[in-house]
Amino acid sequence: MGAAMSIVEHPKAKKAKNRMTKLVSTAWWLGGNVLWTVATGFLVLGVPVFAEYERECQLFEQMAQAQSAQMNAQPPALRGCGSATQSQPLAPTGIGQHAAAPA
């Protein structure tokens, strides 16, 4: 046991111990600051982007539901079927033919 104590008391061992203690303490400080910076950046930049993404997803879901409801809805009843006031369908004009000018 006395040999182990003499190694710790050696000047080079003390210097190595002090350097290692300073290295660990500096790494701990730097790690804490980096972690704080990353967490703050995520809160400031990431959370609003995520919230907006969720809001947009909800909007698209509502639009899809409305479109689905509209497509599944019954067509409106035809009004005036069989009455004498029906308009005549327009005849398509072909190439080189001119539509009749209004009188």
C-alpha atoms as a PDB file:
ATOM      1  CA  MET A   1       0.000   0.000   0.000  1.00  0.00           C
ATOM      2  CA  GLY A   2       2.892   2.295   0.631  1.00  0.00           C
ATOM      3  CA  ALA A   3       4.031   1.908  -2.986  1.00  0.00           C
ATOM      4  CA  ALA A   4       0.674   3.168  -4.277  1.00  0.00           C
ATOM      5  CA  MET A   5       0.876   6.254  -2.084  1.00  0.00           C
ATOM      6  CA  SER A   6       4.343   7.031  -3.300  1.00  0.00           C
ATOM      7  CA  ILE A   7       3.126   7.004  -6.942  1.00  0.00           C
ATOM      8  CA  VAL A   8       0.373   9.547  -6.177  1.00  0.00           C
ATOM      9  CA  GLU A   9       2.878  11.802  -4.440  1.00  0.00           C
ATOM     10  CA  HIS A  10       5.249  11.766  -7.398  1.00  0.00           C
ATOM     11  CA  PRO A  11       5.432  15.259  -9.007  1.00  0.00           C
ATOM     12  CA  LYS A  12       4.542  13.974 -12.482  1.00  0.00           C
ATOM     13  CA  ALA A  13       1.546  12.097 -11.086  1.00  0.00           C
ATOM     14  CA  LYS A  14       0.318  15.250  -9.308  1.00  0.00           C
ATOM     15  CA  LYS A  15       0.703  17.219 -12.519  1.00  0.00           C
ATOM     16  CA  ALA A  16      -1.169  14.550 -14.503  1.00  0.00           C
ATOM     17  CA  LYS A  17      -3.926  14.457 -11.860  1.00  0.00           C
ATOM     18  CA  ASN A  18      -4.303  18.250 -11.941  1.00  0.00           C
ATOM     19  CA  ARG A  19      -4.427  18.277 -15.746  1.00  0.00           C
ATOM     20  CA  MET A  20      -7.014  15.498 -15.799  1.00  0.00           C
ATOM     21  CA  THR A  21      -9.144  17.296 -13.181  1.00  0.00           C
ATOM     22  CA  LYS A  22      -8.997  20.511 -15.203  1.00  0.00           C
ATOM     23  CA  LEU A  23      -9.836  18.625 -18.419  1.00  0.00           C
ATOM     24  CA  VAL A  24     -12.877  16.933 -16.860  1.00  0.00           C
ATOM     25  CA  SER A  25     -14.069  20.183 -15.308  1.00  0.00           C
ATOM     26  CA  THR A  26     -13.670  22.054 -18.621  1.00  0.00           C
ATOM     27  CA  ALA A  27     -15.442  19.269 -20.539  1.00  0.00           C
ATOM     28  CA  TRP A  28     -18.289  19.329 -18.011  1.00  0.00           C
ATOM     29  CA  TRP A  29     -18.651  23.124 -18.350  1.00  0.00           C
ATOM     30  CA  LEU A  30     -18.459  23.013 -22.155  1.00  0.00           C
ATOM     31  CA  GLY A  31     -20.908  20.098 -22.358  1.00  0.00           C
ATOM     32  CA  GLY A  32     -23.398  21.957 -20.181  1.00  0.00           C
ATOM     33  CA  ASN A  33     -23.158  25.076 -22.326  1.00  0.00           C
ATOM     34  CA  VAL A  34     -23.512  23.119 -25.564  1.00  0.00           C
ATOM     35  CA  LEU A  35     -26.509  21.250 -24.170  1.00  0.00           C
ATOM     36  CA  TRP A  36     -28.141  24.533 -23.062  1.00  0.00           C
ATOM     37  CA  THR A  37     -27.550  26.061 -26.515  1.00  0.00           C
ATOM     38  CA  VAL A  38     -29.028  23.074 -28.342  1.00  0.00           C
ATOM     39  CA  ALA A  39     -32.065  22.885 -26.036  1.00  0.00           C
ATOM     40  CA  THR A  40     -32.739  26.628 -26.305  1.00  0.00           C
ATOM     41  CA  GLY A  41     -32.340  26.547 -30.088  1.00  0.00           C
ATOM     42  CA  PHE A  42     -34.795  23.653 -30.324  1.00  0.00           C
ATOM     43  CA  LEU A  43     -37.338  25.480 -28.172  1.00  0.00           C
ATOM     44  CA  VAL A  44     -37.004  28.734 -30.082  1.00  0.00           C
ATOM     45  CA  LEU A  45     -36.775  27.309 -33.609  1.00  0.00           C
ATOM     46  CA  GLY A  46     -38.046  23.738 -33.581  1.00  0.00           C
ATOM     47  CA  VAL A  47     -41.221  23.918 -31.502  1.00  0.00           C
ATOM     48  CA  PRO A  48     -42.921  26.642 -33.614  1.00  0.00           C
ATOM     49  CA  VAL A  49     -42.080  24.760 -36.813  1.00  0.00           C
ATOM     50  CA  PHE A  50     -43.511  21.546 -35.362  1.00  0.00           C
ATOM     51  CA  ALA A  51     -46.649  23.364 -34.162  1.00  0.00           C
ATOM     52  CA  GLU A  52     -47.189  24.921 -37.608  1.00  0.00           C
ATOM     53  CA  TYR A  53     -46.684  21.521 -39.259  1.00  0.00           C
ATOM     54  CA  GLU A  54     -49.341  19.980 -37.004  1.00  0.00           C
ATOM     55  CA  ARG A  55     -51.728  22.862 -37.735  1.00  0.00           C
ATOM     56  CA  GLU A  56     -51.230  22.405 -41.476  1.00  0.00           C
ATOM     57  CA  CYS A  57     -51.857  18.653 -41.156  1.00  0.00           C
ATOM     58  CA  GLN A  58     -55.136  19.364 -39.354  1.00  0.00           C
ATOM     59  CA  LEU A  59     -56.125  21.801 -42.112  1.00  0.00           C
ATOM     60  CA  PHE A  60     -55.433  19.198 -44.801  1.00  0.00           C
ATOM     61  CA  GLU A  61     -57.440  16.602 -42.865  1.00  0.00           C
ATOM     62  CA  GLN A  62     -60.387  19.009 -42.616  1.00  0.00           C
ATOM     63  CA  MET A  63     -60.156  19.789 -46.327  1.00  0.00           C
ATOM     64  CA  ALA A  64     -60.090  16.065 -47.152  1.00  0.00           C
ATOM     65  CA  GLN A  65     -63.138  15.453 -44.949  1.00  0.00           C
ATOM     66  CA  ALA A  66     -65.029  18.334 -46.556  1.00  0.00           C
ATOM     67  CA  GLN A  67     -64.137  17.111 -50.050  1.00  0.00           C
ATOM     68  CA  SER A  68     -65.164  13.569 -49.164  1.00  0.00           C
ATOM     69  CA  ALA A  69     -68.476  14.789 -47.740  1.00  0.00           C
ATOM     70  CA  GLN A  70     -69.075  16.898 -50.854  1.00  0.00           C
ATOM     71  CA  MET A  71     -68.327  13.992 -53.193  1.00  0.00           C
ATOM     72  CA  ASN A  72     -70.566  11.637 -51.229  1.00  0.00           C
ATOM     73  CA  ALA A  73     -73.465  14.118 -51.101  1.00  0.00           C
ATOM     74  CA  GLN A  74     -76.584  13.513 -53.191  1.00  0.00           C
ATOM     75  CA  PRO A  75     -76.724  15.639 -56.350  1.00  0.00           C
ATOM     76  CA  PRO A  76     -79.385  18.365 -56.225  1.00  0.00           C
ATOM     77  CA  ALA A  77     -82.738  17.451 -57.768  1.00  0.00           C
ATOM     78  CA  LEU A  78     -83.138  18.602 -61.338  1.00  0.00           C
ATOM     79  CA  ARG A  79     -85.578  21.483 -61.526  1.00  0.00           C
ATOM     80  CA  GLY A  80     -88.011  21.965 -64.397  1.00  0.00           C
ATOM     81  CA  CYS A  81     -87.546  18.564 -66.037  1.00  0.00           C
ATOM     82  CA  GLY A  82     -89.998  18.210 -68.872  1.00  0.00           C
ATOM     83  CA  SER A  83     -91.053  21.832 -68.891  1.00  0.00           C
ATOM     84  CA  ALA A  84     -91.347  23.811 -72.126  1.00  0.00           C
ATOM     85  CA  THR A  85     -88.808  26.416 -70.987  1.00  0.00           C
ATOM     86  CA  GLN A  86     -85.741  24.203 -71.370  1.00  0.00           C
ATOM     87  CA  SER A  87     -82.918  25.846 -73.250  1.00  0.00           C
ATOM     88  CA  GLN A  88     -81.576  24.219 -76.366  1.00  0.00           C
ATOM     89  CA  PRO A  89     -78.040  22.815 -76.113  1.00  0.00           C
ATOM     90  CA  LEU A  90     -75.406  24.756 -78.005  1.00  0.00           C
ATOM     91  CA  ALA A  91     -74.002  23.048 -81.072  1.00  0.00           C
ATOM     92  CA  PRO A  92     -70.182  22.959 -81.086  1.00  0.00           C
ATOM     93  CA  THR A  93     -68.495  24.867 -83.853  1.00  0.00           C
ATOM     94  CA  GLY A  94     -66.083  22.947 -86.023  1.00  0.00           C
ATOM     95  CA  ILE A  95     -62.829  24.049 -87.592  1.00  0.00           C
ATOM     96  CA  GLY A  96     -63.441  26.679 -90.223  1.00  0.00           C
ATOM     97  CA  GLN A  97     -67.033  27.269 -89.160  1.00  0.00           C
ATOM     98  CA  HIS A  98     -68.015  30.564 -87.603  1.00  0.00           C
ATOM     99  CA  ALA A  99     -70.530  30.919 -84.850  1.00  0.00           C
ATOM    100  CA  ALA A 100     -73.578  32.883 -85.808  1.00  0.00           C
ATOM    101  CA  ALA A 101     -73.255  36.554 -84.948  1.00  0.00           C
ATOM    102  CA  PRO A 102     -75.940  37.922 -82.657  1.00  0.00           C
ATOM    103  CA  ALA A 103     -78.541  39.926 -84.509  1.00  0.00           C
END
